[in-house]
Amino acid sequence: MLSDEELLRYNRQIMLPQWDIAAQEKIKASKILIIGMGGLGCPAALYLASAGVGELWLADFDTVELSNLQRQILYRDTDIGLPKAQAAAKHLQQVNPHILIKPMVAALNDDNLLAIIEQVDVVLDCSDNFNTRDAVNTACVQADKPLVSGAAIGLSGQLAIFYGSRQWPCYRCLYPRTDDVMATCSESGVLATVVGVIGALQAHEALLCLSNLGAGSYGKLLLWEADIPTWRTLKFRKDPDCPVCGHVKNEEKS
C-alpha cells in the first residue's frame, strides 16, 4: 500500500488513466536487477528509482573513474575510486528514500547468476561485452524472466526486449555468433546523450513489463542514429534451432 507521501510523490503517474494506483502499487512490489552501472545503467536506475520501483539491485564490480563522469550521470568527482554499485546506491537512495537499493559489487558468474535472476521480476542488461550479455540471456530464459537489453557506441544506440522462455525470441536468436567481438566505449568513444536516451528507454520498457501497460517491444530491434537523428525498427523471429530458447514452443506460458 502507498503512503500519503508516496501518493503525492507519484501523483503525476497515478493520475494517468493508463497507470493508476494499482500500477503504482505493482511496481512498488517489484524487483529489478540492473547489470552494469555505467552509461546505460545510470539513467535507467535514476528513472526507475524516481518512478517508484520497490527494489533496485545494482550489479557492477568496477570502480568510478574520471573518464566515466562524461556520461555516467549518477557519479561525482568525490566518487572516483569507489565501487560503482555502492556509489550509485548512495545517490539513488537520496533520489528516493522510499525504495530499497541493493548494491552488488561481486562479479556475476555461473555460480550465482541464475540464483540472483530468479529472485527479481525484470533484468536490465546494461553491460558492454558479449560474454556477459550471452550469459545473462541464458539465465533469463532458464528463470523465465524478461530481459531489457540496451547498447550504445559512438553515435548509435539500440534497444531490444527479449523473452525467450515465452513465445518471443531471445538474445541468441538475434545474435547467434558466440565469437563476435563487441566494441566498447573505451575503444570507439560514445556521445553522452546516446547512452542517456537508450538507458531511459530501458527504464521505460521495464515499467511496461512490470505494469502490463502496452505490448512492449518484444521481437523488435530499435536502432537510433543520433547524428541524423532517426529511428529504425527491425523485426526478428524466434529461431527454432536456437541453442538457448529453441526448445520453447511458440506459445505463451500460462
C-alpha atoms as a PDB file:
ATOM      1  CA  MET A   1       0.000   0.000   0.000  1.00  0.00           C
ATOM      2  CA  LEU A   2       1.187   3.507  -0.796  1.00  0.00           C
ATOM      3  CA  SER A   3       1.746   6.029   1.975  1.00  0.00           C
ATOM      4  CA  ASP A   4       0.344   9.562   1.752  1.00  0.00           C
ATOM      5  CA  GLU A   5       3.833  10.827   0.895  1.00  0.00           C
ATOM      6  CA  GLU A   6       4.189   8.266  -1.878  1.00  0.00           C
ATOM      7  CA  LEU A   7       0.781   9.157  -3.287  1.00  0.00           C
ATOM      8  CA  LEU A   8       1.940  12.755  -3.547  1.00  0.00           C
ATOM      9  CA  ARG A   9       5.388  11.848  -4.885  1.00  0.00           C
ATOM     10  CA  TYR A  10       3.977   9.679  -7.694  1.00  0.00           C
ATOM     11  CA  ASN A  11       0.894  11.810  -8.336  1.00  0.00           C
ATOM     12  CA  ARG A  12       1.778  12.678 -11.936  1.00  0.00           C
ATOM     13  CA  GLN A  13       1.960   8.990 -12.828  1.00  0.00           C
ATOM     14  CA  ILE A  14      -1.043   7.898 -10.816  1.00  0.00           C
ATOM     15  CA  MET A  15      -3.313  10.491 -12.459  1.00  0.00           C
ATOM     16  CA  LEU A  16      -2.700   8.886 -15.873  1.00  0.00           C
ATOM     17  CA  PRO A  17      -5.760   6.817 -16.863  1.00  0.00           C
ATOM     18  CA  GLN A  18      -3.430   4.114 -18.255  1.00  0.00           C
ATOM     19  CA  TRP A  19      -1.497   3.873 -14.993  1.00  0.00           C
ATOM     20  CA  ASP A  20      -3.500   4.487 -11.767  1.00  0.00           C
ATOM     21  CA  ILE A  21      -2.789   3.404  -8.167  1.00  0.00           C
ATOM     22  CA  ALA A  22      -2.875  -0.311  -8.977  1.00  0.00           C
ATOM     23  CA  ALA A  23       0.018   0.045 -11.410  1.00  0.00           C
ATOM     24  CA  GLN A  24       1.971   2.122  -8.905  1.00  0.00           C
ATOM     25  CA  GLU A  25       1.475  -0.468  -6.197  1.00  0.00           C
ATOM     26  CA  LYS A  26       2.558  -3.179  -8.612  1.00  0.00           C
ATOM     27  CA  ILE A  27       5.896  -1.555  -9.391  1.00  0.00           C
ATOM     28  CA  LYS A  28       6.398  -0.821  -5.686  1.00  0.00           C
ATOM     29  CA  ALA A  29       6.182  -4.577  -5.090  1.00  0.00           C
ATOM     30  CA  SER A  30       8.638  -5.342  -7.909  1.00  0.00           C
ATOM     31  CA  LYS A  31      12.369  -6.015  -8.058  1.00  0.00           C
ATOM     32  CA  ILE A  32      14.644  -5.076 -10.957  1.00  0.00           C
ATOM     33  CA  LEU A  33      18.213  -6.213 -11.496  1.00  0.00           C
ATOM     34  CA  ILE A  34      20.435  -3.777 -13.397  1.00  0.00           C
ATOM     35  CA  ILE A  35      23.625  -5.373 -14.678  1.00  0.00           C
ATOM     36  CA  GLY A  36      26.226  -2.698 -15.337  1.00  0.00           C
ATOM     37  CA  MET A  37      26.078   0.722 -13.674  1.00  0.00           C
ATOM     38  CA  GLY A  38      27.760   2.634 -16.469  1.00  0.00           C
ATOM     39  CA  GLY A  39      26.416   4.963 -19.144  1.00  0.00           C
ATOM     40  CA  LEU A  40      23.225   2.932 -19.628  1.00  0.00           C
ATOM     41  CA  GLY A  41      22.679   1.762 -16.071  1.00  0.00           C
ATOM     42  CA  CYS A  42      22.901   5.226 -14.520  1.00  0.00           C
ATOM     43  CA  PRO A  43      19.982   6.889 -16.368  1.00  0.00           C
ATOM     44  CA  ALA A  44      17.942   3.683 -16.265  1.00  0.00           C
ATOM     45  CA  ALA A  45      18.369   3.430 -12.494  1.00  0.00           C
ATOM     46  CA  LEU A  46      17.568   7.107 -11.979  1.00  0.00           C
ATOM     47  CA  TYR A  47      14.236   6.859 -13.783  1.00  0.00           C
ATOM     48  CA  LEU A  48      13.282   3.568 -12.156  1.00  0.00           C
ATOM     49  CA  ALA A  49      14.109   4.911  -8.703  1.00  0.00           C
ATOM     50  CA  SER A  50      12.170   8.111  -9.340  1.00  0.00           C
ATOM     51  CA  ALA A  51       9.206   6.161 -10.726  1.00  0.00           C
ATOM     52  CA  GLY A  52       8.965   4.108  -7.532  1.00  0.00           C
ATOM     53  CA  VAL A  53      10.166   0.595  -8.347  1.00  0.00           C
ATOM     54  CA  GLY A  54      10.318  -1.095  -4.947  1.00  0.00           C
ATOM     55  CA  GLU A  55      13.751  -2.713  -5.163  1.00  0.00           C
ATOM     56  CA  LEU A  56      16.694  -1.980  -7.433  1.00  0.00           C
ATOM     57  CA  TRP A  57      19.556  -4.485  -7.429  1.00  0.00           C
ATOM     58  CA  LEU A  58      22.693  -2.898  -8.869  1.00  0.00           C
ATOM     59  CA  ALA A  59      25.390  -5.267 -10.132  1.00  0.00           C
ATOM     60  CA  ASP A  60      28.795  -3.854 -11.061  1.00  0.00           C
ATOM     61  CA  PHE A  61      32.268  -4.743  -9.792  1.00  0.00           C
ATOM     62  CA  ASP A  62      34.052  -1.760 -11.400  1.00  0.00           C
ATOM     63  CA  THR A  63      35.090   1.441  -9.649  1.00  0.00           C
ATOM     64  CA  VAL A  64      34.334   5.007 -10.703  1.00  0.00           C
ATOM     65  CA  GLU A  65      36.987   6.634 -12.910  1.00  0.00           C
ATOM     66  CA  LEU A  66      37.381  10.217 -14.098  1.00  0.00           C
ATOM     67  CA  SER A  67      36.612   9.240 -17.706  1.00  0.00           C
ATOM     68  CA  ASN A  68      33.229   7.847 -16.576  1.00  0.00           C
ATOM     69  CA  LEU A  69      31.889  11.233 -15.490  1.00  0.00           C
ATOM     70  CA  GLN A  70      31.239  12.415 -19.065  1.00  0.00           C
ATOM     71  CA  ARG A  71      28.232  10.075 -19.400  1.00  0.00           C
ATOM     72  CA  GLN A  72      27.658   8.147 -16.161  1.00  0.00           C
ATOM     73  CA  ILE A  73      25.444  10.798 -14.664  1.00  0.00           C
ATOM     74  CA  LEU A  74      24.980   9.385 -11.164  1.00  0.00           C
ATOM     75  CA  TYR A  75      28.599   9.913 -10.135  1.00  0.00           C
ATOM     76  CA  ARG A  76      30.564  12.921  -8.916  1.00  0.00           C
ATOM     77  CA  ASP A  77      34.277  13.685  -8.586  1.00  0.00           C
ATOM     78  CA  THR A  78      34.094  12.606  -4.956  1.00  0.00           C
ATOM     79  CA  ASP A  79      33.026   9.107  -6.087  1.00  0.00           C
ATOM     80  CA  ILE A  80      36.229   8.438  -8.033  1.00  0.00           C
ATOM     81  CA  GLY A  81      37.806   5.226  -6.761  1.00  0.00           C
ATOM     82  CA  LEU A  82      34.610   3.960  -5.127  1.00  0.00           C
ATOM     83  CA  PRO A  83      32.751   0.840  -6.314  1.00  0.00           C
ATOM     84  CA  LYS A  84      30.127   1.940  -8.838  1.00  0.00           C
ATOM     85  CA  ALA A  85      27.352  -0.142  -7.305  1.00  0.00           C
ATOM     86  CA  GLN A  86      27.884   1.389  -3.864  1.00  0.00           C
ATOM     87  CA  ALA A  87      28.257   4.971  -5.142  1.00  0.00           C
ATOM     88  CA  ALA A  88      25.134   4.582  -7.294  1.00  0.00           C
ATOM     89  CA  ALA A  89      23.163   3.148  -4.369  1.00  0.00           C
ATOM     90  CA  LYS A  90      24.093   6.133  -2.203  1.00  0.00           C
ATOM     91  CA  HIS A  91      22.883   8.672  -4.758  1.00  0.00           C
ATOM     92  CA  LEU A  92      19.737   6.739  -5.708  1.00  0.00           C
ATOM     93  CA  GLN A  93      18.702   6.463  -2.063  1.00  0.00           C
ATOM     94  CA  GLN A  94      18.830  10.245  -1.905  1.00  0.00           C
ATOM     95  CA  VAL A  95      16.668  10.436  -5.026  1.00  0.00           C
ATOM     96  CA  ASN A  96      14.002   8.225  -3.452  1.00  0.00           C
ATOM     97  CA  PRO A  97      14.198   7.160   0.210  1.00  0.00           C
ATOM     98  CA  HIS A  98      11.039   5.030  -0.153  1.00  0.00           C
ATOM     99  CA  ILE A  99      12.706   2.251  -2.156  1.00  0.00           C
ATOM    100  CA  LEU A 100      15.305  -0.407  -1.378  1.00  0.00           C
ATOM    101  CA  ILE A 101      18.652  -0.237  -3.156  1.00  0.00           C
ATOM    102  CA  LYS A 102      20.824  -3.345  -3.114  1.00  0.00           C
ATOM    103  CA  PRO A 103      24.404  -2.812  -4.393  1.00  0.00           C
ATOM    104  CA  MET A 104      26.232  -5.921  -5.597  1.00  0.00           C
ATOM    105  CA  VAL A 105      29.975  -5.479  -6.087  1.00  0.00           C
ATOM    106  CA  ALA A 106      30.878  -9.134  -6.656  1.00  0.00           C
ATOM    107  CA  ALA A 107      31.151 -10.322 -10.256  1.00  0.00           C
ATOM    108  CA  LEU A 108      28.210 -12.304 -11.604  1.00  0.00           C
ATOM    109  CA  ASN A 109      29.197 -15.765 -12.803  1.00  0.00           C
ATOM    110  CA  ASP A 110      27.863 -19.249 -13.466  1.00  0.00           C
ATOM    111  CA  ASP A 111      27.722 -19.917  -9.719  1.00  0.00           C
ATOM    112  CA  ASN A 112      25.415 -17.040  -8.755  1.00  0.00           C
ATOM    113  CA  LEU A 113      23.821 -15.517 -11.873  1.00  0.00           C
ATOM    114  CA  LEU A 114      20.788 -17.787 -12.210  1.00  0.00           C
ATOM    115  CA  ALA A 115      20.008 -17.746  -8.483  1.00  0.00           C
ATOM    116  CA  ILE A 116      20.048 -13.939  -8.450  1.00  0.00           C
ATOM    117  CA  ILE A 117      17.901 -13.543 -11.570  1.00  0.00           C
ATOM    118  CA  GLU A 118      15.323 -15.973 -10.190  1.00  0.00           C
ATOM    119  CA  GLN A 119      14.671 -13.522  -7.339  1.00  0.00           C
ATOM    120  CA  VAL A 120      13.785 -10.484  -9.479  1.00  0.00           C
ATOM    121  CA  ASP A 121      10.977  -9.593 -11.882  1.00  0.00           C
ATOM    122  CA  VAL A 122      12.848  -7.903 -14.746  1.00  0.00           C
ATOM    123  CA  VAL A 123      16.514  -7.764 -15.767  1.00  0.00           C
ATOM    124  CA  LEU A 124      18.189  -4.800 -17.452  1.00  0.00           C
ATOM    125  CA  ASP A 125      21.359  -5.677 -19.334  1.00  0.00           C
ATOM    126  CA  CYS A 126      23.469  -2.514 -19.368  1.00  0.00           C
ATOM    127  CA  SER A 127      26.784  -4.313 -19.818  1.00  0.00           C
ATOM    128  CA  ASP A 128      29.239  -3.791 -22.664  1.00  0.00           C
ATOM    129  CA  ASN A 129      30.541  -7.225 -23.637  1.00  0.00           C
ATOM    130  CA  PHE A 130      29.102 -10.208 -25.486  1.00  0.00           C
ATOM    131  CA  ASN A 131      30.016 -12.883 -22.951  1.00  0.00           C
ATOM    132  CA  THR A 132      28.087 -11.137 -20.183  1.00  0.00           C
ATOM    133  CA  ARG A 133      25.100 -10.479 -22.428  1.00  0.00           C
ATOM    134  CA  ASP A 134      25.011 -14.086 -23.575  1.00  0.00           C
ATOM    135  CA  ALA A 135      25.252 -15.459 -20.029  1.00  0.00           C
ATOM    136  CA  VAL A 136      22.546 -13.093 -18.754  1.00  0.00           C
ATOM    137  CA  ASN A 137      20.264 -14.056 -21.635  1.00  0.00           C
ATOM    138  CA  THR A 138      20.706 -17.769 -20.923  1.00  0.00           C
ATOM    139  CA  ALA A 139      19.919 -17.268 -17.240  1.00  0.00           C
ATOM    140  CA  CYS A 140      16.842 -15.174 -18.053  1.00  0.00           C
ATOM    141  CA  VAL A 141      15.498 -17.933 -20.317  1.00  0.00           C
ATOM    142  CA  GLN A 142      16.095 -20.516 -17.605  1.00  0.00           C
ATOM    143  CA  ALA A 143      14.470 -18.329 -14.948  1.00  0.00           C
ATOM    144  CA  ASP A 144      11.545 -17.235 -17.187  1.00  0.00           C
ATOM    145  CA  LYS A 145      12.308 -13.509 -16.816  1.00  0.00           C
ATOM    146  CA  PRO A 146      12.047 -10.683 -19.373  1.00  0.00           C
ATOM    147  CA  LEU A 147      15.351  -9.108 -20.411  1.00  0.00           C
ATOM    148  CA  VAL A 148      15.646  -5.456 -21.473  1.00  0.00           C
ATOM    149  CA  SER A 149      18.886  -5.049 -23.397  1.00  0.00           C
ATOM    150  CA  GLY A 150      20.488  -1.773 -24.423  1.00  0.00           C
ATOM    151  CA  ALA A 151      23.707  -0.909 -26.223  1.00  0.00           C
ATOM    152  CA  ALA A 152      25.388   2.287 -27.373  1.00  0.00           C
ATOM    153  CA  ILE A 153      28.609   3.096 -29.187  1.00  0.00           C
ATOM    154  CA  GLY A 154      29.734   6.219 -30.982  1.00  0.00           C
ATOM    155  CA  LEU A 155      26.587   7.931 -32.240  1.00  0.00           C
ATOM    156  CA  SER A 156      24.448   4.792 -32.416  1.00  0.00           C
ATOM    157  CA  GLY A 157      22.185   3.102 -29.917  1.00  0.00           C
ATOM    158  CA  GLN A 158      19.960   0.060 -29.891  1.00  0.00           C
ATOM    159  CA  LEU A 159      17.287  -1.452 -27.699  1.00  0.00           C
ATOM    160  CA  ALA A 160      15.592  -4.862 -27.606  1.00  0.00           C
ATOM    161  CA  ILE A 161      13.373  -6.728 -25.157  1.00  0.00           C
ATOM    162  CA  PHE A 162      13.852 -10.483 -25.047  1.00  0.00           C
ATOM    163  CA  TYR A 163      11.607 -13.128 -23.504  1.00  0.00           C
ATOM    164  CA  GLY A 164      12.989 -16.401 -24.800  1.00  0.00           C
ATOM    165  CA  SER A 165      11.186 -18.518 -22.220  1.00  0.00           C
ATOM    166  CA  ARG A 166       7.884 -17.439 -23.782  1.00  0.00           C
ATOM    167  CA  GLN A 167       6.905 -17.210 -27.444  1.00  0.00           C
ATOM    168  CA  TRP A 168       9.333 -14.352 -28.084  1.00  0.00           C
ATOM    169  CA  PRO A 169      12.951 -14.583 -29.314  1.00  0.00           C
ATOM    170  CA  CYS A 170      15.967 -14.351 -27.032  1.00  0.00           C
ATOM    171  CA  TYR A 171      19.286 -12.536 -27.418  1.00  0.00           C
ATOM    172  CA  ARG A 172      20.929 -15.539 -29.078  1.00  0.00           C
ATOM    173  CA  CYS A 173      18.177 -15.646 -31.708  1.00  0.00           C
ATOM    174  CA  LEU A 174      19.264 -12.155 -32.772  1.00  0.00           C
ATOM    175  CA  TYR A 175      22.996 -12.656 -32.288  1.00  0.00           C
ATOM    176  CA  PRO A 176      23.753 -16.347 -32.937  1.00  0.00           C
ATOM    177  CA  ARG A 177      27.511 -15.960 -33.200  1.00  0.00           C
ATOM    178  CA  THR A 178      29.392 -16.565 -29.964  1.00  0.00           C
ATOM    179  CA  ASP A 179      32.781 -15.441 -31.279  1.00  0.00           C
ATOM    180  CA  ASP A 180      31.817 -11.864 -32.136  1.00  0.00           C
ATOM    181  CA  VAL A 181      33.898  -9.149 -30.530  1.00  0.00           C
ATOM    182  CA  MET A 182      31.833  -6.222 -29.279  1.00  0.00           C
ATOM    183  CA  ALA A 183      33.455  -2.802 -29.442  1.00  0.00           C
ATOM    184  CA  THR A 184      33.479  -0.796 -26.209  1.00  0.00           C
ATOM    185  CA  CYS A 185      33.207   2.903 -25.450  1.00  0.00           C
ATOM    186  CA  SER A 186      36.819   2.969 -24.284  1.00  0.00           C
ATOM    187  CA  GLU A 187      37.866   1.829 -27.758  1.00  0.00           C
ATOM    188  CA  SER A 188      35.437   3.710 -30.005  1.00  0.00           C
ATOM    189  CA  GLY A 189      34.045   6.542 -27.880  1.00  0.00           C
ATOM    190  CA  VAL A 190      30.408   7.469 -27.283  1.00  0.00           C
ATOM    191  CA  LEU A 191      28.374  10.658 -27.084  1.00  0.00           C
ATOM    192  CA  ALA A 192      26.952  11.187 -23.597  1.00  0.00           C
ATOM    193  CA  THR A 193      23.392  11.761 -24.765  1.00  0.00           C
ATOM    194  CA  VAL A 194      23.290   8.489 -26.732  1.00  0.00           C
ATOM    195  CA  VAL A 195      23.620   6.337 -23.608  1.00  0.00           C
ATOM    196  CA  GLY A 196      21.171   8.648 -21.860  1.00  0.00           C
ATOM    197  CA  VAL A 197      18.491   8.072 -24.484  1.00  0.00           C
ATOM    198  CA  ILE A 198      18.934   4.299 -24.562  1.00  0.00           C
ATOM    199  CA  GLY A 199      19.150   3.992 -20.777  1.00  0.00           C
ATOM    200  CA  ALA A 200      15.940   5.992 -20.351  1.00  0.00           C
ATOM    201  CA  LEU A 201      14.202   3.730 -22.887  1.00  0.00           C
ATOM    202  CA  GLN A 202      15.366   0.662 -20.975  1.00  0.00           C
ATOM    203  CA  ALA A 203      13.710   2.063 -17.863  1.00  0.00           C
ATOM    204  CA  HIS A 204      10.549   2.754 -19.861  1.00  0.00           C
ATOM    205  CA  GLU A 205      10.366  -0.787 -21.215  1.00  0.00           C
ATOM    206  CA  ALA A 206      10.947  -2.193 -17.732  1.00  0.00           C
ATOM    207  CA  LEU A 207       7.977  -0.201 -16.438  1.00  0.00           C
ATOM    208  CA  LEU A 208       5.871  -1.578 -19.290  1.00  0.00           C
ATOM    209  CA  CYS A 209       6.904  -5.113 -18.341  1.00  0.00           C
ATOM    210  CA  LEU A 210       6.027  -4.594 -14.680  1.00  0.00           C
ATOM    211  CA  SER A 211       2.734  -2.754 -15.140  1.00  0.00           C
ATOM    212  CA  ASN A 212       1.413  -4.517 -18.253  1.00  0.00           C
ATOM    213  CA  LEU A 213       0.962  -1.066 -19.775  1.00  0.00           C
ATOM    214  CA  GLY A 214       1.263  -1.548 -23.532  1.00  0.00           C
ATOM    215  CA  ALA A 215       2.515  -4.505 -25.506  1.00  0.00           C
ATOM    216  CA  GLY A 216       6.236  -3.836 -25.173  1.00  0.00           C
ATOM    217  CA  SER A 217       8.761  -4.182 -27.980  1.00  0.00           C
ATOM    218  CA  TYR A 218       9.258  -7.948 -27.998  1.00  0.00           C
ATOM    219  CA  GLY A 219      10.686  -9.261 -31.264  1.00  0.00           C
ATOM    220  CA  LYS A 220      11.834  -5.818 -32.350  1.00  0.00           C
ATOM    221  CA  LEU A 221      15.261  -4.213 -32.523  1.00  0.00           C
ATOM    222  CA  LEU A 222      15.120  -0.432 -32.192  1.00  0.00           C
ATOM    223  CA  LEU A 223      18.070   1.379 -33.761  1.00  0.00           C
ATOM    224  CA  TRP A 224      18.859   5.049 -33.205  1.00  0.00           C
ATOM    225  CA  GLU A 225      21.329   7.052 -35.275  1.00  0.00           C
ATOM    226  CA  ALA A 226      21.998  10.174 -33.246  1.00  0.00           C
ATOM    227  CA  ASP A 227      23.723  12.238 -35.933  1.00  0.00           C
ATOM    228  CA  ILE A 228      20.743  12.211 -38.319  1.00  0.00           C
ATOM    229  CA  PRO A 229      18.762  11.660 -35.983  1.00  0.00           C
ATOM    230  CA  THR A 230      16.407   8.855 -36.905  1.00  0.00           C
ATOM    231  CA  TRP A 231      14.851   5.679 -35.541  1.00  0.00           C
ATOM    232  CA  ARG A 232      14.581   2.370 -37.342  1.00  0.00           C
ATOM    233  CA  THR A 233      12.710  -0.713 -36.168  1.00  0.00           C
ATOM    234  CA  LEU A 234      13.711  -4.184 -37.331  1.00  0.00           C
ATOM    235  CA  LYS A 235      11.555  -7.209 -36.582  1.00  0.00           C
ATOM    236  CA  PHE A 236      13.121 -10.592 -35.874  1.00  0.00           C
ATOM    237  CA  ARG A 237      11.694 -14.007 -35.058  1.00  0.00           C
ATOM    238  CA  LYS A 238      12.369 -16.763 -32.607  1.00  0.00           C
ATOM    239  CA  ASP A 239      14.924 -19.198 -34.004  1.00  0.00           C
ATOM    240  CA  PRO A 240      13.550 -22.757 -33.681  1.00  0.00           C
ATOM    241  CA  ASP A 241      17.138 -24.016 -33.683  1.00  0.00           C
ATOM    242  CA  CYS A 242      18.389 -21.540 -31.078  1.00  0.00           C
ATOM    243  CA  PRO A 243      20.568 -23.445 -28.574  1.00  0.00           C
ATOM    244  CA  VAL A 244      19.251 -21.277 -25.731  1.00  0.00           C
ATOM    245  CA  CYS A 245      15.485 -20.968 -26.298  1.00  0.00           C
ATOM    246  CA  GLY A 246      14.744 -23.128 -29.344  1.00  0.00           C
ATOM    247  CA  HIS A 247      13.188 -25.817 -27.161  1.00  0.00           C
ATOM    248  CA  VAL A 248      10.451 -23.405 -26.035  1.00  0.00           C
ATOM    249  CA  LYS A 249       7.265 -23.840 -28.036  1.00  0.00           C
ATOM    250  CA  ASN A 250       5.837 -20.823 -29.820  1.00  0.00           C
ATOM    251  CA  GLU A 251       3.079 -20.297 -27.296  1.00  0.00           C
ATOM    252  CA  GLU A 252       2.861 -18.168 -24.172  1.00  0.00           C
ATOM    253  CA  LYS A 253       3.098 -19.928 -20.835  1.00  0.00           C
ATOM    254  CA  SER A 254       0.032 -19.760 -18.678  1.00  0.00           C
END
